[in-house]
Amino acid sequence: MRINLNKRTNQWLLLFILAFIWGASFILIKKGLRSFDMFQVASLRMFIASLALFPFAISKLKLLDKKNILPLLEVAFVGNFIPAFLFTWAQMHINSSLAGILNSTTPIFAFIISVFMFRNKVGFLKYIGLLIGFLGIVGLVLSKGITDFTEGNMIYTLVIILASLFYGLNTNVVHEYFPKFDGLTITLLSFSLILPVATITLFTSGIFSQFTGPQAYYDLGYIGILAIFSSSIAVLGINILLKYASAIFASSVTYIIPVFAILWGVFDGEKVSWIQILWMLVVFSGIYLLNKGKEK
């Protein structure tokens, strides 16, 4: 059965599925860091994801040429490889819920890049939605406690914001530079470019010395789930969505991710308050306005 993504309802459905998957990624990273260092977790994530996709990418490699190689390198490394390392590095110092919340700055960067770099014209209502969504994110951050910033060290907050900037740029690049490629082709080609680099970083990271007990194998399983679902499947999903919806709409998935990140945190023993639920509703209101109507 094929889902018609020309329908806005189905686009929203896919958006929430992706948020559900990515919302779990912060918990999975935290569990991977119990047995492996940040370099090993990120390398394993990229290696497993690209290796799983490579058999399907072989038939697509003939499509690589000098016209699309640079945008594909951007998708591969700015949109996937580098953020994987940045998020893992930051989560060594700040909790997973806060990481998920900070990731919600992505639509802001996507919006700014869309308007000022790619000259897309948008209505006034989108600016209002952007502001409301941003206020909702600030509310969620403050509801977690401002000490999360001071105790976690502000530099790691900025690391996640940098990764979110890369995501915002990437959604625009995919939307603007690949009118003839479908989401599957973009995903397969970009991860085929990642595979050689991920192989080198993994096998030079001292990964084999970490398998000293059963816990390491459990945590390897968590990283495997992270790689297959949060990288391979979710990246494929967002690239497909970008063929039917705007970069601003697709990037607003990161406004929904904190909701699932917090809920996943509840399963992992964290608590959620009524004030956080209230701020989540503010976030959803911002998303609705941000995506109401179309770019001009």
Protein backbone atom coordinates (compact mmCIF):
# COMPACT_ATOMS: atom_id res chain seq x y z
CA MET A 1 0.00 0.00 0.00
CA ARG A 2 1.45 3.34 -1.06
CA ILE A 3 0.83 6.48 1.02
CA ASN A 4 -0.03 9.60 -0.94
CA LEU A 5 2.26 12.29 0.46
CA ASN A 6 0.63 14.97 -1.66
CA LYS A 7 -2.03 14.99 1.07
CA ARG A 8 -1.16 17.28 3.96
CA THR A 9 -2.64 14.84 6.48
CA ASN A 10 -0.18 12.14 5.42
CA GLN A 11 2.69 14.62 5.57
CA TRP A 12 1.77 15.37 9.19
CA LEU A 13 1.57 11.65 9.92
CA LEU A 14 5.06 11.05 8.55
CA LEU A 15 6.32 14.08 10.47
CA PHE A 16 5.08 12.63 13.78
CA ILE A 17 6.51 9.18 12.97
CA LEU A 18 9.92 10.76 12.33
CA ALA A 19 9.68 12.77 15.56
CA PHE A 20 8.86 9.58 17.47
CA ILE A 21 11.95 7.85 16.02
CA TRP A 22 14.31 10.80 16.48
CA GLY A 23 12.95 11.50 19.95
CA ALA A 24 14.35 8.13 21.02
CA SER A 25 17.79 8.83 19.58
CA PHE A 26 18.91 10.91 22.57
CA ILE A 27 18.20 8.07 25.02
CA LEU A 28 19.95 5.60 22.70
CA ILE A 29 23.03 7.83 22.47
CA LYS A 30 23.11 8.06 26.28
CA LYS A 31 23.00 4.29 26.60
CA GLY A 32 25.72 3.84 23.97
CA LEU A 33 27.98 6.20 25.90
CA ARG A 34 27.95 3.81 28.88
CA SER A 35 30.43 1.47 27.14
CA PHE A 36 31.92 3.57 24.33
CA ASP A 37 33.39 7.04 24.01
CA MET A 38 31.75 9.75 21.88
CA PHE A 39 34.00 9.12 18.87
CA GLN A 40 33.19 5.40 18.91
CA VAL A 41 29.42 5.90 19.34
CA ALA A 42 29.20 8.37 16.44
CA SER A 43 31.48 6.25 14.24
CA LEU A 44 29.48 3.10 14.96
CA ARG A 45 26.24 4.94 14.21
CA MET A 46 27.44 6.18 10.82
CA PHE A 47 29.20 2.93 9.90
CA ILE A 48 26.21 0.69 10.67
CA ALA A 49 23.75 3.03 8.95
CA SER A 50 25.82 3.43 5.78
CA LEU A 51 26.75 -0.26 5.65
CA ALA A 52 23.08 -1.27 5.94
CA LEU A 53 22.16 1.01 3.04
CA PHE A 54 25.14 0.33 0.79
CA PRO A 55 23.80 -2.87 -0.92
CA PHE A 56 20.81 -0.80 -2.11
CA ALA A 57 23.08 2.09 -3.15
CA ILE A 58 25.26 0.12 -5.60
CA SER A 59 22.83 0.48 -8.50
CA LYS A 60 22.55 4.23 -7.82
CA LEU A 61 26.27 5.04 -7.89
CA LYS A 62 26.17 5.61 -11.66
CA LEU A 63 24.09 8.72 -10.96
CA LEU A 64 27.03 10.47 -9.28
CA ASP A 65 28.49 13.23 -11.46
CA LYS A 66 30.28 16.55 -11.10
CA LYS A 67 26.99 18.47 -10.98
CA ASN A 68 25.55 16.74 -7.93
CA ILE A 69 28.65 15.59 -6.04
CA LEU A 70 29.03 18.80 -3.98
CA PRO A 71 25.37 18.95 -2.81
CA LEU A 72 25.53 15.24 -2.01
CA LEU A 73 28.71 15.75 0.02
CA GLU A 74 26.88 18.47 1.95
CA VAL A 75 23.96 16.12 2.63
CA ALA A 76 26.37 13.35 3.65
CA PHE A 77 28.68 15.24 5.98
CA VAL A 78 27.02 18.53 7.00
CA GLY A 79 23.58 16.95 7.19
CA ASN A 80 24.49 13.60 8.79
CA PHE A 81 28.09 12.73 9.62
CA ILE A 82 29.25 15.85 11.50
CA PRO A 83 26.00 16.34 13.53
CA ALA A 84 26.23 12.71 14.69
CA PHE A 85 29.59 13.52 16.32
CA LEU A 86 28.43 16.89 17.66
CA PHE A 87 25.33 15.45 19.37
CA THR A 88 27.26 12.56 20.89
CA TRP A 89 29.98 14.89 22.17
CA ALA A 90 27.42 17.23 23.74
CA GLN A 91 25.49 14.40 25.39
CA MET A 92 28.54 13.44 27.38
CA HIS A 93 27.86 16.63 29.35
CA ILE A 94 24.12 17.46 29.13
CA ASN A 95 21.06 15.23 29.53
CA SER A 96 19.11 13.72 26.64
CA SER A 97 15.91 15.73 27.21
CA LEU A 98 17.77 19.03 27.03
CA ALA A 99 19.56 17.85 23.89
CA GLY A 100 16.20 17.09 22.28
CA ILE A 101 14.85 20.49 23.25
CA LEU A 102 17.86 22.37 21.88
CA ASN A 103 17.56 20.45 18.61
CA SER A 104 14.29 22.33 18.11
CA THR A 105 16.20 25.39 16.99
CA THR A 106 16.51 23.65 13.58
CA PRO A 107 13.31 25.16 12.07
CA ILE A 108 14.52 28.62 13.03
CA PHE A 109 17.72 28.12 11.04
CA ALA A 110 15.81 26.42 8.21
CA PHE A 111 13.45 29.38 8.08
CA ILE A 112 16.25 31.97 8.07
CA ILE A 113 18.26 30.10 5.41
CA SER A 114 15.16 29.54 3.28
CA VAL A 115 14.24 33.23 3.33
CA PHE A 116 17.65 34.92 3.19
CA MET A 117 19.87 32.44 1.32
CA PHE A 118 17.38 30.85 -1.07
CA ARG A 119 15.10 33.91 -1.30
CA ASN A 120 11.87 32.05 -0.62
CA LYS A 121 9.04 34.44 0.20
CA VAL A 122 6.75 33.58 3.11
CA GLY A 123 3.67 35.10 4.67
CA PHE A 124 3.54 37.08 7.90
CA LEU A 125 1.72 34.22 9.65
CA LYS A 126 4.84 32.05 9.39
CA TYR A 127 6.86 34.65 11.29
CA ILE A 128 4.24 34.60 14.06
CA GLY A 129 4.34 30.79 14.13
CA LEU A 130 8.13 30.85 14.30
CA LEU A 131 8.00 33.23 17.26
CA ILE A 132 5.36 31.20 19.14
CA GLY A 133 7.24 27.95 18.51
CA PHE A 134 10.47 29.52 19.73
CA LEU A 135 8.76 30.80 22.89
CA GLY A 136 7.41 27.31 23.49
CA ILE A 137 10.92 25.87 23.23
CA VAL A 138 12.27 28.51 25.64
CA GLY A 139 9.48 27.57 28.05
CA LEU A 140 10.39 23.89 27.81
CA VAL A 141 14.05 24.71 28.42
CA LEU A 142 13.25 26.78 31.49
CA SER A 143 10.86 24.10 32.76
CA LYS A 144 13.80 21.69 32.75
CA GLY A 145 15.73 24.09 34.97
CA ILE A 146 18.27 26.73 34.03
CA THR A 147 20.92 24.81 35.99
CA ASP A 148 21.02 22.31 33.12
CA PHE A 149 22.83 25.02 31.18
CA THR A 150 25.26 26.11 33.85
CA GLU A 151 26.04 22.62 35.12
CA GLY A 152 26.29 21.18 31.62
CA ASN A 153 28.62 23.95 30.45
CA MET A 154 27.31 26.43 27.89
CA ILE A 155 29.75 25.28 25.21
CA TYR A 156 27.89 21.99 24.79
CA THR A 157 24.63 23.87 24.38
CA LEU A 158 26.28 25.78 21.53
CA VAL A 159 27.55 22.49 20.06
CA ILE A 160 23.96 21.25 19.67
CA ILE A 161 22.85 24.60 18.27
CA LEU A 162 25.65 24.32 15.68
CA ALA A 163 24.43 20.83 14.74
CA SER A 164 20.90 22.23 14.43
CA LEU A 165 22.21 24.95 12.12
CA PHE A 166 23.70 22.21 9.94
CA TYR A 167 20.34 20.40 9.90
CA GLY A 168 18.56 23.60 8.90
CA LEU A 169 21.00 24.15 6.03
CA ASN A 170 20.70 20.54 4.95
CA THR A 171 16.90 20.53 4.67
CA ASN A 172 17.12 23.53 2.35
CA VAL A 173 19.87 21.96 0.23
CA VAL A 174 17.88 18.74 -0.23
CA HIS A 175 14.75 20.70 -1.09
CA GLU A 176 16.45 23.09 -3.54
CA TYR A 177 19.20 21.09 -5.28
CA PHE A 178 17.63 17.71 -6.03
CA PRO A 179 14.46 18.25 -8.07
CA LYS A 180 15.17 15.12 -10.16
CA PHE A 181 16.20 12.76 -7.35
CA ASP A 182 13.71 11.00 -5.11
CA GLY A 183 14.26 10.74 -1.36
CA LEU A 184 15.55 7.17 -1.58
CA THR A 185 18.22 8.07 -4.14
CA ILE A 186 19.43 11.06 -2.11
CA THR A 187 19.70 8.95 1.03
CA LEU A 188 21.49 6.02 -0.64
CA LEU A 189 24.02 8.19 -2.48
CA SER A 190 24.83 10.38 0.52
CA PHE A 191 25.38 7.41 2.85
CA SER A 192 27.52 5.66 0.23
CA LEU A 193 29.82 8.69 0.45
CA ILE A 194 29.86 8.40 4.25
CA LEU A 195 30.79 4.69 4.33
CA PRO A 196 34.56 4.99 3.53
CA VAL A 197 35.05 7.81 6.04
CA ALA A 198 32.96 6.09 8.73
CA THR A 199 34.98 2.90 8.23
CA ILE A 200 38.25 4.77 8.79
CA THR A 201 37.02 6.65 11.87
CA LEU A 202 35.59 3.47 13.39
CA PHE A 203 38.59 1.21 12.93
CA THR A 204 41.01 3.88 14.18
CA SER A 205 38.95 4.54 17.33
CA GLY A 206 40.12 1.53 19.36
CA ILE A 207 36.61 0.09 19.27
CA PHE A 208 37.62 -3.55 19.79
CA SER A 209 39.26 -2.86 23.14
CA GLN A 210 35.88 -1.80 24.56
CA PHE A 211 34.32 -5.27 24.44
CA THR A 212 35.41 -6.39 27.89
CA GLY A 213 32.01 -7.47 29.24
CA PRO A 214 28.39 -8.22 28.33
CA GLN A 215 27.30 -4.60 28.90
CA ALA A 216 29.25 -3.51 25.83
CA TYR A 217 27.27 -5.87 23.62
CA TYR A 218 23.96 -4.59 25.00
CA ASP A 219 25.05 -1.01 24.35
CA LEU A 220 26.22 -1.98 20.86
CA GLY A 221 22.65 -3.17 20.28
CA TYR A 222 21.32 0.26 21.33
CA ILE A 223 23.71 1.94 18.89
CA GLY A 224 22.59 -0.47 16.17
CA ILE A 225 18.96 0.54 16.77
CA LEU A 226 20.06 4.19 16.72
CA ALA A 227 21.86 3.69 13.39
CA ILE A 228 19.11 1.77 11.59
CA PHE A 229 16.11 3.75 12.80
CA SER A 230 17.39 7.25 13.64
CA SER A 231 19.86 7.45 10.75
CA SER A 232 18.95 5.09 7.91
CA ILE A 233 15.15 4.99 8.14
CA ALA A 234 14.51 8.47 9.56
CA VAL A 235 16.87 10.21 7.13
CA LEU A 236 15.19 8.35 4.29
CA GLY A 237 11.82 9.51 5.64
CA ILE A 238 12.82 13.18 5.87
CA ASN A 239 14.35 13.15 2.38
CA ILE A 240 11.14 11.68 0.98
CA LEU A 241 9.08 14.28 2.85
CA LEU A 242 11.22 17.08 1.40
CA LYS A 243 10.11 16.07 -2.09
CA TYR A 244 6.50 16.85 -1.17
CA ALA A 245 6.73 19.59 1.46
CA SER A 246 8.80 22.68 2.13
CA ALA A 247 12.08 22.71 4.02
CA ILE A 248 10.39 24.73 6.76
CA PHE A 249 7.65 22.14 7.19
CA ALA A 250 10.07 19.20 7.20
CA SER A 251 12.44 20.84 9.67
CA SER A 252 9.57 21.51 12.06
CA VAL A 253 9.87 17.84 12.98
CA THR A 254 12.46 19.08 15.47
CA TYR A 255 9.76 21.12 17.22
CA ILE A 256 7.91 17.86 17.93
CA ILE A 257 11.03 15.85 18.84
CA PRO A 258 11.35 17.38 22.36
CA VAL A 259 7.88 16.11 23.20
CA PHE A 260 8.89 12.56 22.36
CA ALA A 261 12.36 13.05 23.86
CA ILE A 262 10.73 13.97 27.17
CA LEU A 263 8.27 11.08 26.91
CA TRP A 264 11.09 8.65 26.12
CA GLY A 265 12.85 10.12 29.15
CA VAL A 266 9.83 9.21 31.28
CA PHE A 267 10.31 5.57 30.24
CA ASP A 268 13.93 5.92 31.28
CA GLY A 269 13.02 7.24 34.73
CA GLU A 270 12.77 11.00 34.09
CA LYS A 271 9.71 12.96 35.17
CA VAL A 272 7.41 15.25 33.17
CA SER A 273 5.42 18.10 34.75
CA TRP A 274 2.14 19.74 33.81
CA ILE A 275 3.99 22.95 32.95
CA GLN A 276 6.03 21.02 30.39
CA ILE A 277 2.82 19.67 28.84
CA LEU A 278 1.52 23.25 28.65
CA TRP A 279 4.65 24.42 26.84
CA MET A 280 4.36 21.46 24.47
CA LEU A 281 0.92 22.76 23.47
CA VAL A 282 2.47 26.18 22.80
CA VAL A 283 5.06 24.51 20.59
CA PHE A 284 2.35 22.70 18.62
CA SER A 285 0.51 26.00 18.13
CA GLY A 286 3.65 27.53 16.68
CA ILE A 287 4.12 24.56 14.35
CA TYR A 288 0.56 24.91 13.10
CA LEU A 289 1.01 28.59 12.23
CA LEU A 290 4.50 28.06 10.83
CA ASN A 291 3.15 25.52 8.36
CA LYS A 292 -0.23 27.11 7.62
CA GLY A 293 -0.40 28.07 3.97
CA LYS A 294 2.44 27.77 1.47
CA GLU A 295 5.49 29.75 0.48
CA LYS A 296 4.80 32.33 -2.17
